Protein backbone atom coordinates (compact mmCIF):
# COMPACT_ATOMS: atom_id res chain seq x y z
CA MET A 1 -35.94 -12.37 15.50
CA THR A 2 -33.97 -15.42 15.90
CA THR A 3 -32.52 -17.56 12.84
CA GLN A 4 -31.17 -21.00 13.41
CA ILE A 5 -28.91 -22.63 11.11
CA ARG A 6 -27.50 -26.09 11.18
CA CYS A 7 -24.36 -27.25 10.14
CA ARG A 8 -21.32 -29.87 10.09
CA ALA A 9 -18.24 -27.37 9.80
CA ILE A 10 -17.79 -23.51 9.42
CA LEU A 11 -15.15 -21.77 7.62
CA PHE A 12 -14.14 -18.05 8.79
CA ASP A 13 -12.71 -15.54 7.05
CA MET A 14 -9.99 -13.34 8.73
CA ASP A 15 -9.59 -9.40 8.32
CA GLY A 16 -12.92 -8.19 9.07
CA THR A 17 -14.51 -11.30 9.83
CA LEU A 18 -12.78 -12.06 12.95
CA VAL A 19 -9.93 -9.72 13.14
CA ASP A 20 -10.77 -5.65 12.74
CA SER A 21 -7.53 -4.72 10.76
CA THR A 22 -9.48 -1.61 8.86
CA VAL A 23 -6.74 1.11 9.77
CA VAL A 24 -3.60 -1.31 8.97
CA VAL A 25 -5.13 -2.21 5.67
CA GLU A 26 -6.43 1.28 4.56
CA ALA A 27 -2.85 2.25 5.50
CA VAL A 28 -1.32 -0.34 3.15
CA TRP A 29 -3.48 0.61 0.19
CA ALA A 30 -2.49 4.25 0.71
CA ARG A 31 1.25 3.41 0.44
CA PHE A 32 0.62 1.54 -2.84
CA ALA A 33 -1.59 4.19 -4.17
CA GLU A 34 0.94 7.24 -3.25
CA ARG A 35 3.82 5.10 -4.99
CA PHE A 36 1.63 4.94 -8.19
CA GLY A 37 -0.14 7.83 -8.25
CA LEU A 38 -3.37 5.99 -7.87
CA ASP A 39 -6.91 6.62 -6.40
CA LEU A 40 -7.01 5.30 -3.08
CA ALA A 41 -10.81 5.34 -2.66
CA THR A 42 -10.91 3.26 -6.17
CA ILE A 43 -8.79 0.63 -4.48
CA LEU A 44 -10.62 0.57 -1.52
CA GLU A 45 -13.60 -0.31 -3.10
CA SER A 46 -13.01 -3.58 -4.50
CA SER A 47 -9.22 -4.79 -2.82
CA HIS A 48 -11.38 -6.01 0.41
CA GLY A 49 -11.00 -9.61 0.59
CA ARG A 50 -9.10 -10.44 -2.24
CA ARG A 51 -5.32 -11.53 -2.32
CA MET A 52 -2.98 -8.58 -2.27
CA ASP A 53 -1.19 -9.78 -5.47
CA ASP A 54 -4.45 -10.10 -7.45
CA SER A 55 -5.26 -6.55 -6.46
CA ILE A 56 -1.42 -5.04 -7.28
CA LEU A 57 -1.80 -6.65 -10.86
CA ARG A 58 -5.45 -5.27 -11.12
CA PHE A 59 -4.55 -1.69 -10.49
CA GLY A 60 -0.84 -1.18 -10.87
CA PRO A 61 0.98 0.14 -13.91
CA GLU A 62 1.09 -1.83 -17.00
CA GLY A 63 4.35 -4.14 -16.32
CA VAL A 64 4.40 -3.80 -12.69
CA ASP A 65 6.74 -6.23 -11.00
CA VAL A 66 3.95 -7.66 -8.63
CA ALA A 67 6.22 -9.82 -6.58
CA GLU A 68 8.63 -6.75 -5.64
CA VAL A 69 6.04 -4.43 -4.68
CA GLY A 70 3.84 -7.26 -2.94
CA ARG A 71 6.83 -7.93 -0.64
CA ASP A 72 7.36 -4.13 -0.02
CA LEU A 73 3.53 -4.02 0.99
CA SER A 74 3.77 -7.25 2.92
CA GLU A 75 6.67 -5.97 5.18
CA PHE A 76 5.05 -2.72 5.82
CA GLU A 77 1.86 -4.50 6.86
CA TYR A 78 3.88 -6.79 9.02
CA ALA A 79 5.55 -4.09 10.94
CA THR A 80 2.08 -2.19 11.48
CA THR A 81 0.11 -3.80 14.10
CA GLU A 82 -1.47 -0.69 16.03
CA GLY A 83 -5.04 -0.58 15.80
CA VAL A 84 -5.88 -4.54 15.03
CA VAL A 85 -8.11 -5.91 17.46
CA ALA A 86 -10.56 -8.85 17.67
CA VAL A 87 -14.18 -8.39 15.93
CA ALA A 88 -16.16 -8.13 19.04
CA GLY A 89 -17.09 -11.77 20.78
CA ALA A 90 -14.91 -13.71 17.97
CA ALA A 91 -12.47 -15.29 20.56
CA ASP A 92 -15.22 -17.05 22.78
CA PHE A 93 -17.07 -17.98 19.80
CA VAL A 94 -14.54 -19.84 18.04
CA SER A 95 -13.58 -21.21 21.18
CA SER A 96 -16.85 -23.26 21.39
CA LEU A 97 -16.83 -24.69 18.42
CA PRO A 98 -15.50 -28.06 17.83
CA ALA A 99 -11.55 -28.01 16.68
CA ALA A 100 -12.26 -30.70 13.77
CA ALA A 101 -15.05 -28.68 12.19
CA VAL A 102 -13.25 -25.56 11.67
CA ALA A 103 -11.25 -23.73 9.39
CA LEU A 104 -9.37 -20.59 8.47
CA VAL A 105 -9.98 -18.98 4.82
CA THR A 106 -8.09 -16.13 4.49
CA SER A 107 -6.56 -13.49 1.09
CA ALA A 108 -3.66 -13.05 3.41
CA GLY A 109 -0.58 -15.29 3.39
CA ARG A 110 0.10 -17.68 6.32
CA ARG A 111 2.75 -15.89 8.24
CA LEU A 112 0.40 -12.26 8.54
CA ALA A 113 -2.73 -14.73 9.37
CA THR A 114 -0.77 -16.37 12.17
CA MET A 115 0.65 -13.13 13.40
CA ARG A 116 -2.88 -11.36 13.30
CA MET A 117 -4.59 -13.96 14.99
CA SER A 118 -2.22 -14.74 17.70
CA SER A 119 -2.03 -10.60 18.21
CA VAL A 120 -5.39 -10.55 19.04
CA GLY A 121 -6.21 -13.48 20.57
CA VAL A 122 -8.09 -15.40 18.56
CA PRO A 123 -7.82 -18.88 18.23
CA LEU A 124 -6.06 -20.19 15.05
CA PRO A 125 -7.91 -23.04 13.82
CA ALA A 126 -5.39 -26.03 12.72
CA VAL A 127 -6.65 -26.28 9.14
CA LEU A 128 -5.74 -23.26 7.10
CA VAL A 129 -6.01 -22.08 3.84
CA THR A 130 -4.40 -19.09 2.45
CA ALA A 131 -3.40 -16.66 -0.36
CA ASP A 132 0.04 -18.93 -0.06
CA ASP A 133 -2.03 -22.06 -0.96
CA VAL A 134 -4.12 -21.12 -4.00
CA LYS A 135 -3.76 -20.52 -7.66
CA ARG A 136 -6.92 -18.70 -7.69
CA GLY A 137 -8.02 -16.66 -4.80
CA LYS A 138 -11.62 -15.50 -3.88
CA PRO A 139 -14.43 -14.63 -5.35
CA HIS A 140 -13.34 -17.91 -6.95
CA PRO A 141 -14.82 -20.81 -4.75
CA ASP A 142 -11.50 -22.45 -4.53
CA PRO A 143 -9.99 -21.10 -1.29
CA TYR A 144 -13.57 -22.73 0.49
CA LEU A 145 -13.45 -25.89 -1.41
CA ASP A 146 -10.16 -26.55 -0.73
CA ALA A 147 -10.94 -25.85 3.42
CA ALA A 148 -13.63 -27.93 3.09
CA ALA A 149 -12.00 -31.21 1.47
CA LEU A 150 -9.24 -30.41 4.43
CA LEU A 151 -11.81 -30.90 6.91
CA GLY A 152 -13.70 -33.74 5.10
CA PHE A 153 -16.79 -31.95 4.43
CA ASP A 154 -18.86 -31.64 2.03
CA PRO A 155 -19.71 -27.95 0.80
CA VAL A 156 -23.55 -28.40 1.57
CA ASP A 157 -22.64 -29.01 5.19
CA VAL A 158 -20.67 -25.87 5.71
CA VAL A 159 -21.44 -22.46 6.89
CA VAL A 160 -18.91 -19.56 5.77
CA PHE A 161 -18.84 -16.35 7.89
CA GLU A 162 -17.42 -13.35 5.86
CA ASP A 163 -17.76 -9.48 5.63
CA ALA A 164 -16.73 -8.94 1.84
CA GLU A 165 -17.96 -9.00 -1.31
CA ALA A 166 -15.21 -10.93 -2.67
CA GLY A 167 -15.42 -13.82 0.08
CA ILE A 168 -19.15 -14.01 0.32
CA ARG A 169 -19.23 -14.78 -3.67
CA SER A 170 -16.54 -17.14 -3.31
CA GLY A 171 -18.56 -19.05 -0.52
CA LEU A 172 -21.86 -19.24 -2.36
CA ALA A 173 -19.80 -20.19 -5.46
CA ALA A 174 -18.72 -23.21 -3.44
CA GLY A 175 -21.98 -23.98 -2.64
CA MET A 176 -22.15 -23.12 1.03
CA ARG A 177 -24.37 -20.71 3.20
CA VAL A 178 -23.01 -17.71 4.13
CA VAL A 179 -23.49 -15.50 7.38
CA VAL A 180 -22.43 -12.03 7.02
CA VAL A 181 -20.44 -10.26 9.46
CA GLY A 182 -20.58 -6.69 9.78
CA ASP A 183 -22.14 -4.31 7.39
CA ALA A 184 -19.45 -3.82 4.61
CA ALA A 185 -20.64 -6.41 2.04
CA GLY A 186 -23.01 -4.38 -0.09
CA PRO A 187 -25.99 -5.48 -2.18
CA ILE A 188 -24.70 -9.12 -2.23
CA ALA A 189 -25.30 -9.16 1.44
CA VAL A 190 -29.04 -8.65 1.20
CA GLY A 191 -31.13 -11.69 1.95
CA LEU A 192 -28.39 -13.64 3.78
CA PRO A 193 -28.17 -13.91 7.40
CA ALA A 194 -26.20 -11.44 8.94
CA ILE A 195 -24.47 -10.16 12.42
CA ARG A 196 -23.11 -7.14 13.79
CA ASP A 197 -20.39 -9.02 15.66
CA TYR A 198 -20.37 -12.49 17.53
CA SER A 199 -22.40 -11.19 20.44
CA GLN A 200 -25.49 -11.91 18.29
CA ILE A 201 -24.78 -15.33 17.92
CA GLU A 202 -24.25 -18.60 19.69
CA ALA A 203 -23.06 -22.24 18.77
CA SER A 204 -24.37 -25.71 20.24
CA VAL A 205 -22.92 -28.99 19.45
CA ASP A 206 -25.07 -32.22 19.60
CA GLY A 207 -22.74 -34.77 17.79
CA ASP A 208 -21.37 -33.70 15.02
CA ILE A 209 -24.18 -30.79 14.32
CA ILE A 210 -23.46 -27.57 14.92
CA THR A 211 -26.50 -25.10 15.40
CA LEU A 212 -26.12 -21.78 15.04
CA THR A 213 -28.33 -19.36 16.73
CA LEU A 214 -28.43 -15.73 15.30
CA VAL A 215 -29.98 -13.10 17.33
CA GLY A 216 -30.64 -10.07 15.23
């Protein structure tokens, strides 16, 4: 079945959407869980797609020093790059889009986002909205609304590519259409257009209109 979506701008999540960083992400939260005697599976169930500080505050013990723990986990994450790869076809797909109509919207910090995109060879959009740039992260709509505003597009003209429940909720709450990448999002993804990876989608550009063709 072929599905076509027309839009004027595209906003990408990073981890799980453009970059497969599962190995590193799980190692980071295993470090956190071991330090505080927490259940790793419980953390992984809902931390994906959310800012690190939000998850530390949610799962850490009362009075946890979020800034200190965040620095420790971040430095571990910066130093752990083995196993991080691009989602299949991501680099070519991003390259096929008008640069002025693309942004990266990630719950990672700016330093990590820049490093991770560069390490896997996916073009880094000029417009980035990261965990460092918002007061309220995903699933709140703020990150995607901010990115659309920076690009100069209305939410109704924007398509979001996401893989996580928190990110999908963020995009939908922002009034945008969402394309789900992969199969990890859960029930919220039911009924939304979806791709396994970027081998299942093509983009064509006519003026300021981007036509996405999904083949699934």
